[in-house]
């Protein structure tokens, strides 16, 4: 679960609601998703957005996908395979972003 203004990602126990782990981000968190055991989160701050592959144990950023300037990312979901779906904020657009293969360039 992402917390936008506090720039945090929480792992929450679905049975109890207890917070099991907290990962800090240096940008606003606008969406969080898991796919193939990978943790990804979206950011949007000022006029820039990106998608980040994060190590869930250390919080280290493993990959960064920068979005074109002026493109907002509000929400992030995966199709469980090769695509991410990103909300476009006030634009009303849904964007599809291809997920890089593991071992791809950051």
N, C-alpha and C. Protein backbone atom coordinates (compact mmCIF):
# COMPACT_ATOMS: atom_id res chain seq x y z
N UNK A 1 0.85 -1.16 0.00
CA UNK A 1 0.00 0.00 0.00
C UNK A 1 0.90 1.23 0.00
N UNK A 2 0.56 2.22 -0.83
CA UNK A 2 1.35 3.44 -0.89
C UNK A 2 0.68 4.57 -0.12
N UNK A 3 1.51 5.42 0.46
CA UNK A 3 1.01 6.60 1.14
C UNK A 3 1.65 7.81 0.45
N UNK A 4 0.82 8.49 -0.35
CA UNK A 4 1.27 9.56 -1.22
C UNK A 4 2.06 10.66 -0.53
N UNK A 5 1.46 11.43 0.37
CA UNK A 5 2.18 12.61 0.88
C UNK A 5 3.37 12.29 1.77
N UNK A 6 3.36 11.12 2.42
CA UNK A 6 4.46 10.77 3.31
C UNK A 6 5.56 10.00 2.60
N UNK A 7 5.37 9.70 1.29
CA UNK A 7 6.40 9.05 0.46
C UNK A 7 6.81 7.70 1.02
N UNK A 8 5.81 6.90 1.35
CA UNK A 8 6.08 5.58 1.94
C UNK A 8 5.27 4.49 1.25
N UNK A 9 5.84 3.28 1.32
CA UNK A 9 5.16 2.07 0.87
C UNK A 9 5.10 1.14 2.08
N UNK A 10 3.93 0.60 2.34
CA UNK A 10 3.74 -0.29 3.48
C UNK A 10 3.40 -1.69 3.01
N UNK A 11 4.00 -2.68 3.67
CA UNK A 11 3.54 -4.06 3.54
C UNK A 11 2.60 -4.28 4.70
N UNK A 12 1.35 -4.65 4.40
CA UNK A 12 0.31 -4.77 5.41
C UNK A 12 -0.16 -6.22 5.49
N UNK A 13 -0.29 -6.73 6.70
CA UNK A 13 -0.84 -8.07 6.91
C UNK A 13 -2.33 -8.01 6.58
N UNK A 14 -2.79 -8.77 5.57
CA UNK A 14 -4.20 -8.69 5.19
C UNK A 14 -5.17 -9.22 6.25
N UNK A 15 -4.69 -10.05 7.15
CA UNK A 15 -5.55 -10.61 8.19
C UNK A 15 -5.76 -9.64 9.35
N UNK A 16 -4.67 -8.96 9.73
CA UNK A 16 -4.74 -8.12 10.94
C UNK A 16 -4.68 -6.62 10.66
N UNK A 17 -4.19 -6.25 9.47
CA UNK A 17 -4.01 -4.84 9.16
C UNK A 17 -2.73 -4.26 9.74
N UNK A 18 -1.93 -5.10 10.39
CA UNK A 18 -0.67 -4.63 10.98
C UNK A 18 0.33 -4.30 9.88
N UNK A 19 1.08 -3.23 10.08
CA UNK A 19 2.14 -2.87 9.14
C UNK A 19 3.35 -3.74 9.42
N UNK A 20 3.77 -4.51 8.40
CA UNK A 20 4.88 -5.44 8.55
C UNK A 20 6.22 -4.82 8.16
N UNK A 21 6.17 -3.89 7.21
CA UNK A 21 7.40 -3.28 6.70
C UNK A 21 7.07 -1.93 6.10
N UNK A 22 8.00 -0.99 6.21
CA UNK A 22 7.85 0.33 5.61
C UNK A 22 9.05 0.61 4.72
N UNK A 23 8.79 1.05 3.50
CA UNK A 23 9.85 1.45 2.56
C UNK A 23 9.67 2.94 2.29
N UNK A 24 10.74 3.69 2.44
CA UNK A 24 10.72 5.13 2.19
C UNK A 24 11.04 5.39 0.72
N UNK A 25 10.40 6.40 0.13
CA UNK A 25 10.69 6.86 -1.22
C UNK A 25 11.11 8.32 -1.14
N UNK A 26 11.86 8.77 -2.13
CA UNK A 26 12.24 10.18 -2.15
C UNK A 26 11.28 11.01 -3.00
N UNK A 27 10.18 10.40 -3.44
CA UNK A 27 9.17 11.08 -4.23
C UNK A 27 7.79 10.64 -3.76
N UNK A 28 6.76 11.41 -4.15
CA UNK A 28 5.39 11.03 -3.81
C UNK A 28 5.07 9.66 -4.42
N UNK A 29 4.47 8.78 -3.65
CA UNK A 29 4.07 7.44 -4.09
C UNK A 29 2.64 7.53 -4.62
N UNK A 30 2.46 7.23 -5.91
CA UNK A 30 1.13 7.36 -6.51
C UNK A 30 0.50 6.03 -6.89
N UNK A 31 1.21 4.95 -6.70
CA UNK A 31 0.65 3.63 -6.99
C UNK A 31 1.68 2.56 -6.67
N UNK A 32 1.20 1.37 -6.31
CA UNK A 32 2.07 0.25 -5.96
C UNK A 32 1.47 -1.00 -6.57
N UNK A 33 2.33 -1.86 -7.13
CA UNK A 33 1.86 -3.12 -7.68
C UNK A 33 2.95 -4.18 -7.59
N UNK A 34 2.52 -5.45 -7.55
CA UNK A 34 3.42 -6.60 -7.57
C UNK A 34 3.20 -7.35 -8.87
N UNK A 35 4.28 -7.83 -9.49
CA UNK A 35 4.16 -8.69 -10.66
C UNK A 35 5.39 -9.59 -10.70
N UNK A 36 5.18 -10.90 -10.86
CA UNK A 36 6.27 -11.88 -10.89
C UNK A 36 7.24 -11.70 -9.73
N UNK A 37 6.72 -11.42 -8.54
CA UNK A 37 7.57 -11.25 -7.38
C UNK A 37 8.33 -9.94 -7.33
N UNK A 38 8.00 -9.01 -8.24
CA UNK A 38 8.66 -7.71 -8.28
C UNK A 38 7.74 -6.63 -7.71
N UNK A 39 8.31 -5.74 -6.92
CA UNK A 39 7.59 -4.61 -6.37
C UNK A 39 7.88 -3.38 -7.24
N UNK A 40 6.82 -2.73 -7.73
CA UNK A 40 6.95 -1.52 -8.54
C UNK A 40 6.08 -0.44 -7.91
N UNK A 41 6.53 0.82 -8.04
CA UNK A 41 5.67 1.90 -7.61
C UNK A 41 5.80 3.08 -8.56
N UNK A 42 4.71 3.83 -8.66
CA UNK A 42 4.68 5.01 -9.50
C UNK A 42 4.93 6.25 -8.66
N UNK A 43 5.49 7.28 -9.31
CA UNK A 43 5.69 8.57 -8.65
C UNK A 43 5.16 9.67 -9.56
N UNK A 44 4.82 10.79 -8.93
CA UNK A 44 4.42 11.98 -9.68
C UNK A 44 4.67 13.17 -8.79
N UNK A 45 5.52 14.04 -9.23
CA UNK A 45 5.85 15.22 -8.45
C UNK A 45 6.25 16.33 -9.42
N UNK A 46 5.68 17.50 -9.21
CA UNK A 46 5.89 18.62 -10.12
C UNK A 46 5.48 18.20 -11.53
N UNK A 47 6.38 18.27 -12.48
CA UNK A 47 6.04 17.96 -13.87
C UNK A 47 6.66 16.65 -14.33
N UNK A 48 7.08 15.79 -13.38
CA UNK A 48 7.72 14.55 -13.78
C UNK A 48 7.15 13.36 -13.02
N UNK A 49 7.16 12.23 -13.72
CA UNK A 49 6.68 10.96 -13.16
C UNK A 49 7.63 9.85 -13.60
N UNK A 50 7.64 8.79 -12.82
CA UNK A 50 8.39 7.61 -13.22
C UNK A 50 7.79 6.37 -12.57
N UNK A 51 8.25 5.22 -13.04
CA UNK A 51 7.90 3.93 -12.45
C UNK A 51 9.19 3.34 -11.93
N UNK A 52 9.14 2.78 -10.73
CA UNK A 52 10.34 2.28 -10.08
C UNK A 52 10.18 0.84 -9.64
N UNK A 53 11.16 0.03 -9.99
CA UNK A 53 11.25 -1.35 -9.51
C UNK A 53 12.08 -1.29 -8.24
N UNK A 54 11.52 -1.75 -7.14
CA UNK A 54 12.12 -1.62 -5.81
C UNK A 54 12.39 -3.00 -5.21
N UNK A 55 13.54 -3.15 -4.58
CA UNK A 55 13.81 -4.36 -3.82
C UNK A 55 12.95 -4.30 -2.56
N UNK A 56 12.03 -5.24 -2.37
CA UNK A 56 11.11 -5.16 -1.23
C UNK A 56 11.78 -5.36 0.12
N UNK A 57 12.96 -5.96 0.14
CA UNK A 57 13.66 -6.19 1.41
C UNK A 57 14.50 -4.99 1.84
N UNK A 58 15.16 -4.34 0.86
CA UNK A 58 16.08 -3.26 1.20
C UNK A 58 15.55 -1.87 0.86
N UNK A 59 14.56 -1.79 -0.03
CA UNK A 59 14.06 -0.50 -0.49
C UNK A 59 14.90 0.09 -1.60
N UNK A 60 15.96 -0.62 -2.02
CA UNK A 60 16.84 -0.14 -3.09
C UNK A 60 16.09 -0.09 -4.42
N UNK A 61 16.31 0.99 -5.18
CA UNK A 61 15.71 1.10 -6.51
C UNK A 61 16.54 0.26 -7.48
N UNK A 62 15.88 -0.68 -8.16
CA UNK A 62 16.56 -1.57 -9.09
C UNK A 62 16.45 -1.10 -10.53
N UNK A 63 15.33 -0.49 -10.88
CA UNK A 63 15.12 0.04 -12.23
C UNK A 63 14.28 1.30 -12.14
N UNK A 64 14.48 2.19 -13.11
CA UNK A 64 13.74 3.44 -13.18
C UNK A 64 13.26 3.63 -14.61
N UNK A 65 11.96 3.80 -14.78
CA UNK A 65 11.38 4.11 -16.09
C UNK A 65 10.82 5.52 -16.03
N UNK A 66 11.49 6.46 -16.66
CA UNK A 66 11.03 7.85 -16.65
C UNK A 66 9.93 8.01 -17.68
N UNK A 67 8.88 8.70 -17.27
CA UNK A 67 7.79 9.02 -18.17
C UNK A 67 8.10 10.34 -18.87
N UNK A 68 7.50 10.59 -20.03
CA UNK A 68 7.73 11.88 -20.70
C UNK A 68 7.31 13.04 -19.80
N UNK A 69 8.06 14.13 -19.86
CA UNK A 69 7.77 15.32 -19.05
C UNK A 69 6.32 15.74 -19.25
N UNK A 70 5.64 16.07 -18.15
CA UNK A 70 4.24 16.47 -18.22
C UNK A 70 3.26 15.32 -18.14
N UNK A 71 3.76 14.09 -18.09
CA UNK A 71 2.91 12.91 -17.98
C UNK A 71 2.75 12.55 -16.51
N UNK A 72 1.55 12.65 -15.99
CA UNK A 72 1.31 12.30 -14.60
C UNK A 72 0.98 10.83 -14.46
N UNK A 73 1.45 10.21 -13.39
CA UNK A 73 1.11 8.82 -13.07
C UNK A 73 0.32 8.85 -11.76
N UNK A 74 -0.96 8.54 -11.86
CA UNK A 74 -1.83 8.48 -10.67
C UNK A 74 -2.46 7.10 -10.61
N UNK A 75 -1.79 6.21 -9.94
CA UNK A 75 -2.24 4.82 -9.87
C UNK A 75 -1.35 3.94 -10.72
N UNK A 76 -1.19 2.70 -10.30
CA UNK A 76 -0.35 1.75 -11.04
C UNK A 76 -0.88 0.35 -10.80
N UNK A 77 -1.15 -0.35 -11.88
CA UNK A 77 -1.59 -1.74 -11.82
C UNK A 77 -0.85 -2.53 -12.88
N UNK A 78 -0.77 -3.83 -12.69
CA UNK A 78 -0.12 -4.71 -13.66
C UNK A 78 -1.15 -5.67 -14.22
N UNK A 79 -0.92 -6.11 -15.46
CA UNK A 79 -1.78 -7.14 -16.03
C UNK A 79 -1.30 -8.54 -15.66
N UNK A 80 -0.25 -8.61 -14.80
CA UNK A 80 0.29 -9.90 -14.38
C UNK A 80 1.31 -10.44 -15.36
N UNK A 81 1.62 -9.67 -16.39
CA UNK A 81 2.58 -10.11 -17.41
C UNK A 81 3.51 -8.96 -17.77
N UNK A 82 3.33 -8.41 -18.97
CA UNK A 82 4.28 -7.45 -19.52
C UNK A 82 3.82 -6.01 -19.51
N UNK A 83 2.66 -5.71 -18.96
CA UNK A 83 2.17 -4.33 -19.06
C UNK A 83 1.77 -3.77 -17.70
N UNK A 84 2.06 -2.46 -17.57
CA UNK A 84 1.56 -1.68 -16.46
C UNK A 84 0.47 -0.76 -17.00
N UNK A 85 -0.51 -0.48 -16.16
CA UNK A 85 -1.56 0.48 -16.49
C UNK A 85 -1.45 1.62 -15.48
N UNK A 86 -1.30 2.83 -16.01
CA UNK A 86 -1.09 4.02 -15.17
C UNK A 86 -2.21 5.01 -15.40
N UNK A 87 -2.82 5.47 -14.33
CA UNK A 87 -3.78 6.55 -14.44
C UNK A 87 -3.05 7.82 -14.85
N UNK A 88 -3.76 8.71 -15.50
CA UNK A 88 -3.14 9.93 -16.01
C UNK A 88 -3.56 11.19 -15.29
N UNK A 89 -4.00 11.06 -14.05
CA UNK A 89 -4.40 12.25 -13.30
C UNK A 89 -5.56 12.97 -13.95
N UNK A 90 -5.47 14.30 -13.98
CA UNK A 90 -6.56 15.12 -14.51
C UNK A 90 -6.74 14.97 -16.02
N UNK A 91 -5.79 14.34 -16.72
CA UNK A 91 -5.92 14.17 -18.18
C UNK A 91 -7.05 13.21 -18.53
N UNK A 92 -7.41 12.32 -17.60
CA UNK A 92 -8.44 11.32 -17.87
C UNK A 92 -7.95 10.19 -18.75
N UNK A 93 -6.65 10.13 -19.02
CA UNK A 93 -6.08 9.09 -19.88
C UNK A 93 -5.55 7.92 -19.06
N UNK A 94 -5.64 6.75 -19.62
CA UNK A 94 -5.02 5.56 -19.07
C UNK A 94 -3.84 5.23 -19.96
N UNK A 95 -2.67 5.10 -19.38
CA UNK A 95 -1.48 4.81 -20.16
C UNK A 95 -1.06 3.36 -19.92
N UNK A 96 -0.55 2.76 -20.97
CA UNK A 96 -0.02 1.40 -20.90
C UNK A 96 1.48 1.50 -21.10
N UNK A 97 2.23 0.90 -20.18
CA UNK A 97 3.69 0.94 -20.23
C UNK A 97 4.19 -0.50 -20.22
N UNK A 98 5.09 -0.81 -21.15
CA UNK A 98 5.65 -2.16 -21.20
C UNK A 98 6.66 -2.34 -20.07
N UNK A 99 6.51 -3.40 -19.33
CA UNK A 99 7.44 -3.70 -18.23
C UNK A 99 8.71 -4.29 -18.82
N UNK A 100 9.87 -3.76 -18.42
CA UNK A 100 11.12 -4.33 -18.94
C UNK A 100 11.36 -5.72 -18.39
N UNK A 101 12.04 -6.52 -19.14
CA UNK A 101 12.40 -7.87 -18.69
C UNK A 101 13.42 -7.78 -17.57
N UNK A 102 13.42 -8.75 -16.68
CA UNK A 102 14.40 -8.75 -15.59
C UNK A 102 15.80 -8.74 -16.21
N UNK A 103 16.69 -7.98 -15.57
CA UNK A 103 18.04 -7.88 -16.09
C UNK A 103 18.19 -6.81 -17.15
N UNK A 104 17.06 -6.09 -17.48
CA UNK A 104 17.12 -5.02 -18.46
C UNK A 104 17.80 -3.80 -17.87
N UNK A 105 18.08 -2.85 -18.74
CA UNK A 105 18.75 -1.62 -18.31
C UNK A 105 17.85 -0.82 -17.39
N UNK A 106 18.46 -0.17 -16.43
CA UNK A 106 17.72 0.69 -15.50
C UNK A 106 17.50 2.05 -16.12
